[in-house]
C-alpha atoms as a PDB file:
ATOM      1  CA  MET A   1     -64.827-105.753-152.763  1.00  0.00           C
ATOM      2  CA  ARG A   2     -66.564-107.291-155.898  1.00  0.00           C
ATOM      3  CA  ILE A   3     -69.674-109.073-154.526  1.00  0.00           C
ATOM      4  CA  ALA A   4     -70.736-111.981-156.956  1.00  0.00           C
ATOM      5  CA  ALA A   5     -74.429-112.682-156.030  1.00  0.00           C
ATOM      6  CA  VAL A   6     -75.810-115.920-156.815  1.00  0.00           C
ATOM      7  CA  ALA A   7     -80.005-116.042-157.477  1.00  0.00           C
ATOM      8  CA  GLN A   8     -81.450-119.506-157.164  1.00  0.00           C
ATOM      9  CA  SER A   9     -84.814-120.736-158.964  1.00  0.00           C
ATOM     10  CA  PRO A  10     -86.533-123.156-157.042  1.00  0.00           C
ATOM     11  CA  ALA A  11     -89.424-124.822-157.908  1.00  0.00           C
ATOM     12  CA  PRO A  12     -92.962-122.895-157.065  1.00  0.00           C
ATOM     13  CA  SER A  13     -94.381-123.886-154.415  1.00  0.00           C
ATOM     14  CA  GLY A  14     -97.598-123.323-155.035  1.00  0.00           C
ATOM     15  CA  ASN A  15     -98.669-122.277-151.017  1.00  0.00           C
ATOM     16  CA  LYS A  16    -100.189-118.828-150.918  1.00  0.00           C
ATOM     17  CA  GLU A  17    -100.537-119.066-146.977  1.00  0.00           C
ATOM     18  CA  GLU A  18     -96.631-118.954-146.514  1.00  0.00           C
ATOM     19  CA  ALA A  19     -95.093-116.620-143.777  1.00  0.00           C
ATOM     20  CA  LEU A  20     -93.666-113.771-145.694  1.00  0.00           C
ATOM     21  CA  VAL A  21     -90.176-112.250-144.802  1.00  0.00           C
ATOM     22  CA  SER A  22     -89.200-108.512-145.756  1.00  0.00           C
ATOM     23  CA  LEU A  23     -86.752-107.309-147.591  1.00  0.00           C
ATOM     24  CA  ASP A  24     -85.486-105.486-144.936  1.00  0.00           C
ATOM     25  CA  GLN A  25     -84.720-108.784-143.331  1.00  0.00           C
ATOM     26  CA  PHE A  26     -82.976-110.543-145.999  1.00  0.00           C
ATOM     27  CA  ARG A  27     -81.002-106.575-146.586  1.00  0.00           C
ATOM     28  CA  GLN A  28     -80.079-107.028-142.634  1.00  0.00           C
ATOM     29  CA  LYS A  29     -78.703-110.502-143.210  1.00  0.00           C
ATOM     30  CA  LEU A  30     -76.770-109.714-146.779  1.00  0.00           C
ATOM     31  CA  HIS A  31     -75.526-106.578-145.131  1.00  0.00           C
ATOM     32  CA  ALA A  32     -74.240-108.726-142.037  1.00  0.00           C
ATOM     33  CA  GLN A  33     -72.113-110.864-144.256  1.00  0.00           C
ATOM     34  CA  PHE A  34     -70.635-107.695-146.274  1.00  0.00           C
ATOM     35  CA  GLU A  35     -69.583-107.369-142.421  1.00  0.00           C
ATOM     36  CA  LEU A  36     -68.051-110.640-142.023  1.00  0.00           C
ATOM     37  CA  ALA A  37     -66.171-110.553-145.225  1.00  0.00           C
ATOM     38  CA  VAL A  38     -64.842-106.793-144.196  1.00  0.00           C
ATOM     39  CA  ALA A  39     -63.469-108.063-141.217  1.00  0.00           C
ATOM     40  CA  ARG A  40     -61.977-110.944-142.885  1.00  0.00           C
ATOM     41  CA  GLY A  41     -60.412-108.873-145.126  1.00  0.00           C
ATOM     42  CA  ALA A  42     -61.857-110.745-148.426  1.00  0.00           C
ATOM     43  CA  THR A  43     -62.137-109.179-151.381  1.00  0.00           C
ATOM     44  CA  HIS A  44     -64.251-111.321-153.342  1.00  0.00           C
ATOM     45  CA  LEU A  45     -67.967-112.452-150.986  1.00  0.00           C
ATOM     46  CA  ARG A  46     -70.040-114.748-153.063  1.00  0.00           C
ATOM     47  CA  ILE A  47     -73.714-114.921-151.353  1.00  0.00           C
ATOM     48  CA  LYS A  48     -76.317-117.286-152.712  1.00  0.00           C
ATOM     49  CA  SER A  49     -79.901-116.734-152.264  1.00  0.00           C
ATOM     50  CA  GLU A  50     -81.005-119.325-150.534  1.00  0.00           C
ATOM     51  CA  GLU A  51     -78.163-119.124-148.117  1.00  0.00           C
ATOM     52  CA  LEU A  52     -79.948-115.685-147.010  1.00  0.00           C
ATOM     53  CA  ALA A  53     -83.525-117.145-146.880  1.00  0.00           C
ATOM     54  CA  ALA A  54     -82.376-120.350-145.289  1.00  0.00           C
ATOM     55  CA  PRO A  55     -83.175-119.205-142.077  1.00  0.00           C
ATOM     56  CA  PHE A  56     -86.416-117.963-141.881  1.00  0.00           C
ATOM     57  CA  PRO A  57     -89.778-119.736-142.276  1.00  0.00           C
ATOM     58  CA  ARG A  58     -90.549-120.717-145.995  1.00  0.00           C
ATOM     59  CA  GLY A  59     -86.859-120.188-146.856  1.00  0.00           C
ATOM     60  CA  GLY A  60     -86.994-122.397-149.583  1.00  0.00           C
ATOM     61  CA  SER A  61     -90.226-121.205-150.772  1.00  0.00           C
ATOM     62  CA  ALA A  62     -89.699-119.720-154.502  1.00  0.00           C
ATOM     63  CA  SER A  63     -91.688-116.342-153.528  1.00  0.00           C
ATOM     64  CA  GLN A  64     -88.744-116.156-150.381  1.00  0.00           C
ATOM     65  CA  HIS A  65     -86.578-116.532-152.980  1.00  0.00           C
ATOM     66  CA  LEU A  66     -88.281-114.018-155.553  1.00  0.00           C
ATOM     67  CA  SER A  67     -88.176-111.553-152.779  1.00  0.00           C
ATOM     68  CA  CYS A  68     -84.783-112.570-152.097  1.00  0.00           C
ATOM     69  CA  CYS A  69     -83.490-112.277-155.393  1.00  0.00           C
ATOM     70  CA  GLU A  70     -85.506-108.630-155.580  1.00  0.00           C
ATOM     71  CA  MET A  71     -83.345-107.166-152.555  1.00  0.00           C
ATOM     72  CA  MET A  72     -80.414-108.395-153.773  1.00  0.00           C
ATOM     73  CA  LEU A  73     -80.582-106.712-157.318  1.00  0.00           C
ATOM     74  CA  GLU A  74     -81.646-103.773-155.547  1.00  0.00           C
ATOM     75  CA  GLU A  75     -78.495-103.686-153.351  1.00  0.00           C
ATOM     76  CA  MET A  76     -76.068-104.211-156.383  1.00  0.00           C
ATOM     77  CA  ARG A  77     -73.485-101.485-157.438  1.00  0.00           C
ATOM     78  CA  VAL A  78     -70.940-100.915-160.265  1.00  0.00           C
ATOM     79  CA  GLY A  79     -68.561-104.040-159.859  1.00  0.00           C
ATOM     80  CA  ASP A  80     -70.926-106.447-158.637  1.00  0.00           C
ATOM     81  CA  VAL A  81     -71.504-109.493-160.688  1.00  0.00           C
ATOM     82  CA  LEU A  82     -74.882-111.714-160.759  1.00  0.00           C
ATOM     83  CA  GLY A  83     -74.903-114.956-161.163  1.00  0.00           C
ATOM     84  CA  CYS A  84     -78.253-117.592-161.964  1.00  0.00           C
ATOM     85  CA  GLU A  85     -78.570-121.290-161.646  1.00  0.00           C
ATOM     86  CA  GLN A  86     -81.357-122.976-161.987  1.00  0.00           C
END
């Protein structure tokens, strides 16, 4: 399966007290999307960082997106494509 990861850059929130989500939580959500795609027989999958971060507290914050993008980069494999939207 080829993966296209799209990292989006939201405006910084400036809130230093926001609840942080662990990279493992993002990773679990990412792998769940992989499993669903495999079950559907998909050969391509587009994943946006904002979609992974949205369900978590402060999901739209800049720091959450950066953490999510960091995890997505760690999970990339040969053949995966990274896009960037701002």
